[in-house]
């Protein structure tokens, strides 16, 4: 009989794992710190790549569902300089190679595909402890405990499960994002809407800029990117949104007003998202009864593959467990043998992507790519 699976973290990777396990009749419970599905925002749009994210959802039997939530036209891309001069422009050609969808909508179709009670909300993990024979005890903030026979850490960058298999903790990359939103943009933020266009805008100089994306509902979601020491952001009082907007906007003195308006006139409070990473070759020796997926296993700089990789991790881990119903260790070893080299390759590719976007050649290196010269 297949060992019941315990998953910590109801993000896209953990839920994909749970869905594929459910299709194979493997019992699974997901413990999530959020008190409900609507407890917090789930981030912006995600481009679902054919070879990982879309494939994972196919293995989850959700092809029709994910196609129903796509943001048609949202894959257009353009790059401009600090003066809002467009240097490269790629329209959405309708390709299904990497269509866009909101992370919250993807999470929604995964949750809807699971039996009621699969996710235990409000279960904030405090500690995970090995108790022998490949079993682990999970202690939660409410004082409850659970003992597992097969544990999967899908609990993100600051995973508490990771300590069971690895001594590594994420290190600051030197880059941080500040999340902002503009709403009702065609009426209230006309100039910003015009420069962003129908899809993604990269307004760049070496080391930072604005990464903005048009989302459904007449909304623009922006990541303001700054290369600053993590201590620099400690000087900002994010409890005072207006002061924070002013301080961040001041870092872009001389930039076009339709670009600085993405932060200066934001309709939501700025949210800091500092970028941390594990070593490119992060892996561990086989530890009985436990493994990791997604950012818990291989968080790296944002190169566009993180959520896609997490979903593929989840789908492949579920398949391995289903293929070895009487041998947990064989299942986990099979999964890790594929996941480790893939995550290493993608970490190196992510570094190249960040260098292309924010490196010394910005914004012209990306413009050359968009214009077909590289």
Foldseek 3Di string as FASTA:
>chain_A
DFFEEEEEALALLRLLLQLLLVVLVHHYAYEYQAQDLVSDADDFKAFQAPVFRQVSVVSSVCNVQVVVFFDPFAPKEWEDELALDTLFTGTDPRDSRTTMGTSSSSSVVSVVSDDPRRYDYNFAWDAWADDDPLKIWTAGPVGDIDIGNAYEYAPAQQTRQLVLFDPWHWDFPQKKWKKFKDAPCVPPLVLLCVSCDAYWYFHAAAAWFWIWTQDPRRMIIIIGMHRHPPVVCVVDDLVPQQSNLVVSLVVSPPGHPSRSCRRNVTPDRIDMGTAIWTPLQQDGDDDRRYDYAFNSGTRAADQSCRSSRSSNLSSQLSVLSSVCSPDSSSSVVVSRVVSRVVSSVVRVNSVVSCCQRNNNCPPVSVSCVSVPND
